[in-house]
Amino acid sequence: EAMQLIAAMKLDLVGMKEYAASLPSEVSGGMQKRAAIARAMALDPRILFLDEPSAGLDPITSVELDALILRLRDTLGITFVVVSHELPSIFAIADRVLMVDKSTTGIIALGTPHELRAHSANPTVRRFFNREAEAEVT
């Protein structure tokens, strides 16, 4: 019974309380993502790791998920570590960005999204944050 109460509380935090008895196949992709966040919060972690949380979501649902992440951060004090390639989400939710590059297998940038877009000395970082192709596509 205590576990059901915790589950109901966490589902309520993500706006999913009324879907507690629903199967994943019965709810939308955005709702599945919110339910996954509720599940991850079950033990009241101080840090949550999210891997591409907006992957597969439409732009409106992605914005709603970003707003949820910000609300949970602000109200519960949870730190979110998010892996994302979605620039709108990065600019919406990130206080700090750590960028890694598979070719160097290391960190190539650290800063706010705005700092990295405007002032990075690294061309890969600049291209990513300004959505610039490396070469002209013909």
C-alpha atoms as a PDB file:
ATOM      1  CA  GLU A   1       0.000   0.000   0.000  1.00  0.00           C
ATOM      2  CA  ALA A   2       2.874   2.398   0.720  1.00  0.00           C
ATOM      3  CA  MET A   3       4.317   1.661  -2.715  1.00  0.00           C
ATOM      4  CA  GLN A   4       0.982   2.466  -4.358  1.00  0.00           C
ATOM      5  CA  LEU A   5       0.833   5.763  -2.466  1.00  0.00           C
ATOM      6  CA  ILE A   6       4.365   6.670  -3.597  1.00  0.00           C
ATOM      7  CA  ALA A   7       3.521   5.716  -7.186  1.00  0.00           C
ATOM      8  CA  ALA A   8       0.354   7.839  -7.089  1.00  0.00           C
ATOM      9  CA  MET A   9       2.289  10.811  -5.696  1.00  0.00           C
ATOM     10  CA  LYS A  10       4.990  10.566  -8.365  1.00  0.00           C
ATOM     11  CA  LEU A  11       2.452  10.138 -11.153  1.00  0.00           C
ATOM     12  CA  ASP A  12       0.621  13.197  -9.831  1.00  0.00           C
ATOM     13  CA  LEU A  13       3.859  15.208  -9.985  1.00  0.00           C
ATOM     14  CA  VAL A  14       4.102  14.525 -13.714  1.00  0.00           C
ATOM     15  CA  GLY A  15       0.384  14.953 -14.420  1.00  0.00           C
ATOM     16  CA  MET A  16      -0.330  11.250 -14.868  1.00  0.00           C
ATOM     17  CA  LYS A  17      -2.227  10.261 -11.700  1.00  0.00           C
ATOM     18  CA  GLU A  18      -5.443   9.470 -13.572  1.00  0.00           C
ATOM     19  CA  TYR A  19      -3.520   7.039 -15.813  1.00  0.00           C
ATOM     20  CA  ALA A  20      -2.055   4.919 -13.005  1.00  0.00           C
ATOM     21  CA  ALA A  21      -3.880   1.790 -14.177  1.00  0.00           C
ATOM     22  CA  SER A  22      -3.116   2.333 -17.868  1.00  0.00           C
ATOM     23  CA  LEU A  23      -0.749   0.172 -19.868  1.00  0.00           C
ATOM     24  CA  PRO A  24       2.046   1.878 -21.833  1.00  0.00           C
ATOM     25  CA  SER A  25       0.305   0.936 -25.085  1.00  0.00           C
ATOM     26  CA  GLU A  26      -2.779   2.847 -23.931  1.00  0.00           C
ATOM     27  CA  VAL A  27      -1.075   6.234 -23.548  1.00  0.00           C
ATOM     28  CA  SER A  28       0.810   8.573 -25.881  1.00  0.00           C
ATOM     29  CA  GLY A  29       4.577   8.734 -26.307  1.00  0.00           C
ATOM     30  CA  GLY A  30       4.751  11.921 -24.264  1.00  0.00           C
ATOM     31  CA  MET A  31       2.782  10.286 -21.469  1.00  0.00           C
ATOM     32  CA  GLN A  32       5.125   7.295 -21.564  1.00  0.00           C
ATOM     33  CA  LYS A  33       8.081   9.671 -21.120  1.00  0.00           C
ATOM     34  CA  ARG A  34       6.369  11.378 -18.168  1.00  0.00           C
ATOM     35  CA  ALA A  35       5.572   8.002 -16.589  1.00  0.00           C
ATOM     36  CA  ALA A  36       9.233   7.018 -16.970  1.00  0.00           C
ATOM     37  CA  ILE A  37      10.277  10.196 -15.148  1.00  0.00           C
ATOM     38  CA  ALA A  38       7.753   9.417 -12.377  1.00  0.00           C
ATOM     39  CA  ARG A  39       9.197   5.910 -12.075  1.00  0.00           C
ATOM     40  CA  ALA A  40      12.733   7.295 -11.902  1.00  0.00           C
ATOM     41  CA  MET A  41      11.659   9.637  -9.085  1.00  0.00           C
ATOM     42  CA  ALA A  42      10.224   6.797  -6.963  1.00  0.00           C
ATOM     43  CA  LEU A  43      13.197   6.763  -4.584  1.00  0.00           C
ATOM     44  CA  ASP A  44      13.502  10.567  -4.417  1.00  0.00           C
ATOM     45  CA  PRO A  45      16.851  10.854  -6.189  1.00  0.00           C
ATOM     46  CA  ARG A  46      18.804  14.090  -6.048  1.00  0.00           C
ATOM     47  CA  ILE A  47      20.021  13.540  -9.621  1.00  0.00           C
ATOM     48  CA  LEU A  48      18.083  12.134 -12.579  1.00  0.00           C
ATOM     49  CA  PHE A  49      19.779  11.060 -15.790  1.00  0.00           C
ATOM     50  CA  LEU A  50      17.657  11.388 -18.934  1.00  0.00           C
ATOM     51  CA  ASP A  51      18.870  10.034 -22.270  1.00  0.00           C
ATOM     52  CA  GLU A  52      17.295  11.882 -25.211  1.00  0.00           C
ATOM     53  CA  PRO A  53      14.019  12.529 -23.338  1.00  0.00           C
ATOM     54  CA  SER A  54      12.357  14.286 -26.271  1.00  0.00           C
ATOM     55  CA  ALA A  55      13.345  11.693 -28.885  1.00  0.00           C
ATOM     56  CA  GLY A  56      10.350  10.715 -30.973  1.00  0.00           C
ATOM     57  CA  LEU A  57       8.130  13.482 -29.624  1.00  0.00           C
ATOM     58  CA  ASP A  58       6.450  16.196 -31.646  1.00  0.00           C
ATOM     59  CA  PRO A  59       7.621  19.784 -31.006  1.00  0.00           C
ATOM     60  CA  ILE A  60       4.640  20.687 -28.797  1.00  0.00           C
ATOM     61  CA  THR A  61       5.049  17.632 -26.578  1.00  0.00           C
ATOM     62  CA  SER A  62       8.810  18.285 -26.411  1.00  0.00           C
ATOM     63  CA  VAL A  63       8.149  21.810 -25.106  1.00  0.00           C
ATOM     64  CA  GLU A  64       5.742  20.379 -22.520  1.00  0.00           C
ATOM     65  CA  LEU A  65       8.371  17.859 -21.406  1.00  0.00           C
ATOM     66  CA  ASP A  66      10.962  20.641 -21.114  1.00  0.00           C
ATOM     67  CA  ALA A  67       8.512  22.588 -18.928  1.00  0.00           C
ATOM     68  CA  LEU A  68       7.992  19.517 -16.737  1.00  0.00           C
ATOM     69  CA  ILE A  69      11.744  19.070 -16.280  1.00  0.00           C
ATOM     70  CA  LEU A  70      12.105  22.727 -15.289  1.00  0.00           C
ATOM     71  CA  ARG A  71       9.158  22.519 -12.877  1.00  0.00           C
ATOM     72  CA  LEU A  72      10.535  19.398 -11.192  1.00  0.00           C
ATOM     73  CA  ARG A  73      13.969  20.998 -10.969  1.00  0.00           C
ATOM     74  CA  ASP A  74      12.578  24.164  -9.422  1.00  0.00           C
ATOM     75  CA  THR A  75      10.022  22.613  -7.059  1.00  0.00           C
ATOM     76  CA  LEU A  76      11.874  19.490  -5.936  1.00  0.00           C
ATOM     77  CA  GLY A  77      15.476  20.607  -6.350  1.00  0.00           C
ATOM     78  CA  ILE A  78      16.312  17.661  -8.599  1.00  0.00           C
ATOM     79  CA  THR A  79      19.410  17.981 -10.755  1.00  0.00           C
ATOM     80  CA  PHE A  80      18.833  16.682 -14.271  1.00  0.00           C
ATOM     81  CA  VAL A  81      21.688  15.377 -16.389  1.00  0.00           C
ATOM     82  CA  VAL A  82      20.277  15.225 -19.899  1.00  0.00           C
ATOM     83  CA  VAL A  83      21.788  13.762 -23.045  1.00  0.00           C
ATOM     84  CA  SER A  84      20.233  15.608 -25.974  1.00  0.00           C
ATOM     85  CA  HIS A  85      20.853  16.668 -29.547  1.00  0.00           C
ATOM     86  CA  GLU A  86      17.705  18.820 -29.563  1.00  0.00           C
ATOM     87  CA  LEU A  87      18.849  22.453 -29.606  1.00  0.00           C
ATOM     88  CA  PRO A  88      15.489  23.925 -28.532  1.00  0.00           C
ATOM     89  CA  SER A  89      15.462  21.663 -25.468  1.00  0.00           C
ATOM     90  CA  ILE A  90      19.101  22.374 -24.686  1.00  0.00           C
ATOM     91  CA  PHE A  91      18.468  26.118 -24.717  1.00  0.00           C
ATOM     92  CA  ALA A  92      15.235  25.710 -22.719  1.00  0.00           C
ATOM     93  CA  ILE A  93      16.433  23.496 -19.874  1.00  0.00           C
ATOM     94  CA  ALA A  94      20.225  23.590 -19.638  1.00  0.00           C
ATOM     95  CA  ASP A  95      22.065  25.738 -17.128  1.00  0.00           C
ATOM     96  CA  ARG A  96      25.352  24.215 -18.249  1.00  0.00           C
ATOM     97  CA  VAL A  97      26.329  22.129 -21.253  1.00  0.00           C
ATOM     98  CA  LEU A  98      29.140  19.637 -21.419  1.00  0.00           C
ATOM     99  CA  MET A  99      29.797  18.624 -25.010  1.00  0.00           C
ATOM    100  CA  VAL A 100      31.692  15.492 -25.936  1.00  0.00           C
ATOM    101  CA  ASP A 101      32.951  14.508 -29.360  1.00  0.00           C
ATOM    102  CA  LYS A 102      33.171  10.880 -30.406  1.00  0.00           C
ATOM    103  CA  SER A 103      36.202  11.549 -32.621  1.00  0.00           C
ATOM    104  CA  THR A 104      38.232  12.817 -29.663  1.00  0.00           C
ATOM    105  CA  THR A 105      36.395  10.704 -27.054  1.00  0.00           C
ATOM    106  CA  GLY A 106      36.607  13.626 -24.693  1.00  0.00           C
ATOM    107  CA  ILE A 107      35.061  16.841 -23.515  1.00  0.00           C
ATOM    108  CA  ILE A 108      35.354  19.599 -26.097  1.00  0.00           C
ATOM    109  CA  ALA A 109      33.216  22.296 -24.478  1.00  0.00           C
ATOM    110  CA  LEU A 110      31.714  23.370 -21.174  1.00  0.00           C
ATOM    111  CA  GLY A 111      29.537  26.427 -20.616  1.00  0.00           C
ATOM    112  CA  THR A 112      26.043  27.795 -20.985  1.00  0.00           C
ATOM    113  CA  PRO A 113      24.292  27.131 -24.285  1.00  0.00           C
ATOM    114  CA  HIS A 114      24.454  30.839 -25.136  1.00  0.00           C
ATOM    115  CA  GLU A 115      28.186  31.053 -24.331  1.00  0.00           C
ATOM    116  CA  LEU A 116      28.952  28.035 -26.482  1.00  0.00           C
ATOM    117  CA  ARG A 117      26.901  29.308 -29.415  1.00  0.00           C
ATOM    118  CA  ALA A 118      28.435  32.779 -29.342  1.00  0.00           C
ATOM    119  CA  HIS A 119      31.989  32.349 -28.082  1.00  0.00           C
ATOM    120  CA  SER A 120      33.317  28.817 -28.491  1.00  0.00           C
ATOM    121  CA  ALA A 121      36.753  28.599 -30.069  1.00  0.00           C
ATOM    122  CA  ASN A 122      36.005  25.041 -31.156  1.00  0.00           C
ATOM    123  CA  PRO A 123      34.592  24.878 -34.712  1.00  0.00           C
ATOM    124  CA  THR A 124      32.634  21.674 -33.993  1.00  0.00           C
ATOM    125  CA  VAL A 125      30.902  23.335 -31.053  1.00  0.00           C
ATOM    126  CA  ARG A 126      30.114  26.441 -33.083  1.00  0.00           C
ATOM    127  CA  ARG A 127      28.715  24.350 -35.954  1.00  0.00           C
ATOM    128  CA  PHE A 128      26.527  22.337 -33.581  1.00  0.00           C
ATOM    129  CA  PHE A 129      25.079  25.304 -31.709  1.00  0.00           C
ATOM    130  CA  ASN A 130      24.581  27.364 -34.864  1.00  0.00           C
ATOM    131  CA  ARG A 131      23.309  24.422 -36.960  1.00  0.00           C
ATOM    132  CA  GLU A 132      25.973  24.877 -39.615  1.00  0.00           C
ATOM    133  CA  ALA A 133      27.018  22.159 -42.008  1.00  0.00           C
ATOM    134  CA  GLU A 134      30.726  21.395 -42.190  1.00  0.00           C
ATOM    135  CA  ALA A 135      30.751  21.502 -45.970  1.00  0.00           C
ATOM    136  CA  GLU A 136      28.469  22.808 -48.662  1.00  0.00           C
ATOM    137  CA  VAL A 137      25.898  20.186 -49.673  1.00  0.00           C
ATOM    138  CA  THR A 138      25.423  19.953 -53.446  1.00  0.00           C
END
